[in-house]
Amino acid sequence: MLDVLAGKIVFMSALRMNGKVALITGAASGIGAAHARLFAAEGARVLLCDLQEELGLTVVKEIKERGGAAEFFALDVSEEASWQKAVTFAVDTFGALTTLVNVAGVVSPAGVEAETMEGWSRIISVNQTGAWLGMKSAMPELLHSGNAAIVNIASMVGVVGRPGAFAYQASKAAVRQMTKATALEYASRGVRANAVCPGVIETPMTAGGSDAARQLQIQETPMKRYGLTHEVAYCSLFLCSDEASYVTGTDLIVDGGTTAG
């Protein structure tokens, strides 16, 4: 890897996250677990946060068996007190916090009329409020590091609209805008913030769809396939590494070309 800061290029460690401490939500499965595995493999010390404790501990065990550094924390992203405990745990365990990746999310297929107040509140509290509380709670430690990065996982349907999934689309569009506002607020203070916007990805969340819906999504994707979780994680890896030291406030869309047309 190269260091291009201060107008010079010098060789650095091959591990792109060496010296980083990352808190990753939704890390027990799917896209979050892929982030945890990849970041740990690239040298980060990783705190996996989720409510699925058994699955999360399984991923931690796998990372440790491969020589990585990881721990698990049972985090409810919709609760501020839970976030504060998670950040404290990360710092007490690893000595710092340099990197935040907000992956945790829930979805409902309901449209404008079919969505309920209960369903709306649940999706907004996890997807949108959870990302805000993560940034708010982690920010003092991120600022203290002097070279921090945030990645919020949004969605291609936060960029372009689709019928249905009304609350989910609203929450992901909000996450994109929250990311931009955060990037501008902290641009001169050593914290970068970017959003990654996946298209259809092979995850436990998408596995429950019908074959007809799956085939339609594949046909609507120029690359004619679902994306893989590690293909999303590699985008976040770049944005959280020092390779992206001049990148903040942007959206990195990972959708097989769907939004290009």
Protein backbone atom coordinates (compact mmCIF):
# COMPACT_ATOMS: atom_id res chain seq x y z
CA MET A 1 0.00 0.00 0.00
CA LEU A 2 1.12 3.58 -0.61
CA ASP A 3 0.98 6.66 1.57
CA VAL A 4 0.30 9.73 -0.57
CA LEU A 5 -0.20 12.24 2.24
CA ALA A 6 2.02 15.33 2.37
CA GLY A 7 2.68 15.07 -1.36
CA LYS A 8 4.92 12.04 -1.16
CA ILE A 9 4.60 8.35 -1.86
CA VAL A 10 6.14 5.85 0.52
CA PHE A 11 5.47 2.16 1.03
CA MET A 12 3.33 1.19 3.99
CA SER A 13 2.24 -2.14 5.51
CA ALA A 14 0.38 -4.45 3.14
CA LEU A 15 -2.43 -4.64 5.71
CA ARG A 16 -4.83 -1.89 4.73
CA MET A 17 -6.46 -1.59 8.18
CA ASN A 18 -3.34 -2.01 10.29
CA GLY A 19 -3.71 0.02 13.50
CA LYS A 20 -7.45 0.58 13.04
CA VAL A 21 -10.17 -0.33 15.53
CA ALA A 22 -13.54 -0.88 13.87
CA LEU A 23 -17.01 -1.10 15.36
CA ILE A 24 -19.33 -2.83 12.90
CA THR A 25 -23.08 -3.21 13.44
CA GLY A 26 -25.23 -5.95 11.98
CA ALA A 27 -22.03 -7.99 12.11
CA ALA A 28 -23.45 -11.41 12.97
CA SER A 29 -24.45 -12.26 9.41
CA GLY A 30 -24.69 -11.08 5.82
CA ILE A 31 -23.00 -7.85 4.79
CA GLY A 32 -21.96 -7.00 8.36
CA ALA A 33 -20.23 -10.34 8.91
CA ALA A 34 -18.41 -9.96 5.59
CA HIS A 35 -17.14 -6.57 6.77
CA ALA A 36 -15.95 -8.03 10.08
CA ARG A 37 -14.07 -10.89 8.41
CA LEU A 38 -12.46 -8.65 5.79
CA PHE A 39 -11.48 -5.82 8.13
CA ALA A 40 -9.94 -8.28 10.59
CA ALA A 41 -8.04 -10.00 7.77
CA GLU A 42 -6.67 -6.57 6.80
CA GLY A 43 -5.33 -5.92 10.29
CA ALA A 44 -8.16 -4.13 12.11
CA ARG A 45 -9.22 -5.02 15.61
CA VAL A 46 -12.96 -5.48 15.26
CA LEU A 47 -15.92 -5.17 17.62
CA LEU A 48 -18.84 -7.07 16.10
CA CYS A 49 -22.15 -5.62 17.26
CA ASP A 50 -25.52 -7.30 16.82
CA LEU A 51 -28.47 -8.71 18.75
CA GLN A 52 -27.85 -12.19 17.31
CA GLU A 53 -25.33 -13.23 19.92
CA GLU A 54 -24.85 -16.87 18.94
CA LEU A 55 -24.20 -16.03 15.30
CA GLY A 56 -21.96 -13.11 16.27
CA LEU A 57 -19.83 -15.23 18.58
CA THR A 58 -19.46 -17.79 15.80
CA VAL A 59 -18.02 -15.12 13.50
CA VAL A 60 -15.71 -13.91 16.29
CA LYS A 61 -14.45 -17.47 16.82
CA GLU A 62 -13.78 -17.84 13.09
CA ILE A 63 -11.83 -14.57 12.98
CA LYS A 64 -9.73 -15.51 16.00
CA GLU A 65 -8.98 -18.95 14.56
CA ARG A 66 -7.56 -17.17 11.51
CA GLY A 67 -5.32 -14.99 13.66
CA GLY A 68 -7.50 -11.89 13.78
CA ALA A 69 -8.56 -9.75 16.72
CA ALA A 70 -12.31 -9.56 17.37
CA GLU A 71 -14.86 -9.40 20.16
CA PHE A 72 -18.67 -9.34 20.29
CA PHE A 73 -21.06 -6.88 21.92
CA ALA A 74 -24.85 -7.25 22.09
CA LEU A 75 -25.96 -3.87 20.74
CA ASP A 76 -29.47 -2.53 20.18
CA VAL A 77 -28.75 0.20 17.63
CA SER A 78 -32.03 1.97 18.38
CA GLU A 79 -31.05 2.62 22.02
CA GLU A 80 -28.62 5.43 22.88
CA ALA A 81 -27.57 3.85 26.19
CA SER A 82 -26.70 0.62 24.38
CA TRP A 83 -24.56 2.56 21.92
CA GLN A 84 -22.68 4.33 24.70
CA LYS A 85 -21.89 0.99 26.33
CA ALA A 86 -20.69 -0.45 23.02
CA VAL A 87 -18.31 2.46 22.39
CA THR A 88 -16.96 2.22 25.94
CA PHE A 89 -16.47 -1.53 25.49
CA ALA A 90 -14.57 -0.98 22.23
CA VAL A 91 -12.20 1.54 23.81
CA ASP A 92 -11.72 -0.51 26.99
CA THR A 93 -11.00 -3.63 24.92
CA PHE A 94 -8.89 -2.25 22.08
CA GLY A 95 -7.66 1.09 23.42
CA ALA A 96 -9.27 3.31 20.78
CA LEU A 97 -11.98 3.59 18.14
CA THR A 98 -11.02 4.78 14.66
CA THR A 99 -13.67 3.29 12.39
CA LEU A 100 -17.46 2.96 12.42
CA VAL A 101 -19.47 0.94 9.93
CA ASN A 102 -23.24 1.12 10.33
CA VAL A 103 -24.65 -1.96 8.61
CA ALA A 104 -27.59 -2.99 10.80
CA GLY A 105 -30.89 -2.70 9.00
CA VAL A 106 -34.39 -4.12 8.63
CA VAL A 107 -36.79 -4.07 5.71
CA SER A 108 -40.50 -4.38 5.01
CA PRO A 109 -42.11 -4.74 1.56
CA ALA A 110 -45.10 -2.58 2.52
CA GLY A 111 -46.02 0.41 0.36
CA VAL A 112 -47.56 3.77 1.26
CA GLU A 113 -50.98 2.51 2.32
CA ALA A 114 -49.99 -0.91 3.57
CA GLU A 115 -47.25 0.33 5.91
CA THR A 116 -48.28 0.65 9.55
CA MET A 117 -47.16 3.10 12.19
CA GLU A 118 -45.54 0.23 14.06
CA GLY A 119 -43.69 -0.96 10.96
CA TRP A 120 -42.60 2.55 10.01
CA SER A 121 -41.30 3.26 13.51
CA ARG A 122 -39.33 0.02 13.66
CA ILE A 123 -37.59 0.58 10.33
CA ILE A 124 -36.78 4.23 11.01
CA SER A 125 -35.52 3.45 14.53
CA VAL A 126 -33.09 0.79 13.30
CA ASN A 127 -32.01 2.05 9.89
CA GLN A 128 -32.00 5.82 10.37
CA THR A 129 -31.94 6.52 14.10
CA GLY A 130 -29.48 3.67 14.60
CA ALA A 131 -27.00 5.21 12.15
CA TRP A 132 -27.36 8.63 13.77
CA LEU A 133 -26.92 7.28 17.30
CA GLY A 134 -23.85 5.37 16.14
CA MET A 135 -22.20 8.48 14.75
CA LYS A 136 -23.23 10.58 17.74
CA SER A 137 -21.97 8.06 20.30
CA ALA A 138 -18.73 7.20 18.50
CA MET A 139 -17.80 10.73 17.47
CA PRO A 140 -15.82 11.78 20.57
CA GLU A 141 -13.52 8.76 20.18
CA LEU A 142 -13.34 9.14 16.40
CA LEU A 143 -12.30 12.78 16.82
CA HIS A 144 -9.73 11.76 19.41
CA SER A 145 -8.10 9.38 16.90
CA GLY A 146 -7.47 12.26 14.47
CA ASN A 147 -7.78 9.99 11.43
CA ALA A 148 -11.19 8.34 11.52
CA ALA A 149 -13.67 7.02 9.01
CA ILE A 150 -17.38 6.31 9.01
CA VAL A 151 -19.21 4.21 6.44
CA ASN A 152 -22.98 4.05 6.51
CA ILE A 153 -24.59 1.29 4.50
CA ALA A 154 -27.47 2.87 2.60
CA SER A 155 -29.05 1.31 -0.52
CA MET A 156 -29.52 1.88 -4.22
CA VAL A 157 -33.21 2.50 -3.36
CA GLY A 158 -32.01 5.47 -1.35
CA VAL A 159 -30.77 6.80 -4.69
CA VAL A 160 -33.59 5.79 -7.07
CA GLY A 161 -37.16 4.88 -6.17
CA ARG A 162 -39.00 1.59 -6.48
CA PRO A 163 -42.62 0.60 -5.77
CA GLY A 164 -43.13 -0.76 -2.25
CA ALA A 165 -40.72 -0.91 0.69
CA PHE A 166 -41.75 2.66 1.43
CA ALA A 167 -40.28 3.03 4.92
CA TYR A 168 -37.07 1.23 3.96
CA GLN A 169 -36.48 3.54 0.99
CA ALA A 170 -37.18 6.59 3.14
CA SER A 171 -34.72 5.43 5.79
CA LYS A 172 -31.93 4.72 3.31
CA ALA A 173 -32.36 8.07 1.53
CA ALA A 174 -32.10 9.70 4.95
CA VAL A 175 -28.91 7.76 5.73
CA ARG A 176 -27.31 9.11 2.54
CA GLN A 177 -28.16 12.71 3.47
CA MET A 178 -27.09 12.24 7.09
CA THR A 179 -23.75 10.95 5.80
CA LYS A 180 -23.20 14.03 3.64
CA ALA A 181 -24.11 16.38 6.49
CA THR A 182 -21.70 14.55 8.80
CA ALA A 183 -18.92 14.64 6.21
CA LEU A 184 -19.19 18.40 5.87
CA GLU A 185 -19.43 19.02 9.61
CA TYR A 186 -16.25 17.06 10.37
CA ALA A 187 -14.24 17.45 7.14
CA SER A 188 -11.59 19.61 8.77
CA ARG A 189 -11.56 17.69 12.04
CA GLY A 190 -10.10 14.34 11.04
CA VAL A 191 -13.29 12.33 10.49
CA ARG A 192 -14.42 11.24 7.03
CA ALA A 193 -17.95 9.94 6.34
CA ASN A 194 -19.15 8.10 3.25
CA ALA A 195 -22.10 5.95 2.22
CA VAL A 196 -22.09 2.63 0.40
CA CYS A 197 -25.28 1.89 -1.52
CA PRO A 198 -25.75 -1.80 -2.37
CA GLY A 199 -28.16 -3.16 -4.92
CA VAL A 200 -29.51 -6.71 -4.65
CA ILE A 201 -27.05 -8.75 -2.59
CA GLU A 202 -27.05 -12.40 -1.50
CA THR A 203 -27.88 -12.12 2.21
CA PRO A 204 -30.23 -13.76 4.73
CA MET A 205 -32.47 -10.71 4.24
CA THR A 206 -32.89 -11.35 0.50
CA ALA A 207 -33.01 -15.14 0.76
CA GLY A 208 -36.66 -15.13 1.80
CA GLY A 209 -37.97 -13.64 -1.44
CA SER A 210 -39.92 -15.59 -4.03
CA ASP A 211 -38.23 -17.11 -7.07
CA ALA A 212 -40.28 -14.81 -9.32
CA ALA A 213 -39.12 -11.71 -7.45
CA ARG A 214 -35.54 -12.93 -7.54
CA GLN A 215 -35.60 -13.53 -11.28
CA LEU A 216 -37.11 -10.09 -11.87
CA GLN A 217 -34.36 -8.45 -9.81
CA ILE A 218 -31.71 -10.37 -11.74
CA GLN A 219 -33.23 -9.31 -15.06
CA GLU A 220 -33.28 -5.68 -13.93
CA THR A 221 -29.56 -5.87 -13.03
CA PRO A 222 -27.26 -5.27 -16.01
CA MET A 223 -24.71 -7.77 -14.65
CA LYS A 224 -27.53 -10.39 -14.42
CA ARG A 225 -26.74 -11.62 -10.93
CA TYR A 226 -26.99 -10.79 -7.28
CA GLY A 227 -23.98 -9.16 -5.67
CA LEU A 228 -21.98 -10.93 -2.97
CA THR A 229 -21.46 -9.64 0.54
CA HIS A 230 -17.69 -9.37 0.20
CA GLU A 231 -18.16 -7.16 -2.89
CA VAL A 232 -19.86 -4.62 -0.62
CA ALA A 233 -17.30 -5.04 2.15
CA TYR A 234 -14.37 -4.32 -0.17
CA CYS A 235 -15.91 -0.95 -1.05
CA SER A 236 -16.14 -0.06 2.62
CA LEU A 237 -12.60 -1.31 3.14
CA PHE A 238 -11.32 1.24 0.64
CA LEU A 239 -13.35 4.06 2.18
CA CYS A 240 -12.16 3.22 5.71
CA SER A 241 -8.52 2.82 4.75
CA ASP A 242 -5.98 5.61 4.38
CA GLU A 243 -6.14 5.04 0.63
CA ALA A 244 -9.35 7.10 0.73
CA SER A 245 -7.82 9.93 2.76
CA TYR A 246 -9.26 12.60 0.41
CA VAL A 247 -12.69 10.99 0.02
CA THR A 248 -15.59 12.19 2.15
CA GLY A 249 -19.28 12.88 1.65
CA THR A 250 -19.65 10.55 -1.32
CA ASP A 251 -21.91 7.63 -2.28
CA LEU A 252 -20.30 4.46 -3.59
CA ILE A 253 -23.01 2.52 -5.43
CA VAL A 254 -22.55 -1.26 -5.63
CA ASP A 255 -25.46 -2.45 -7.75
CA GLY A 256 -24.18 -4.25 -10.83
CA GLY A 257 -25.03 -1.23 -12.97
CA THR A 258 -28.73 -0.99 -12.05
CA THR A 259 -28.82 2.74 -11.39
CA ALA A 260 -26.61 3.60 -14.38
CA GLY A 261 -29.46 3.39 -16.89
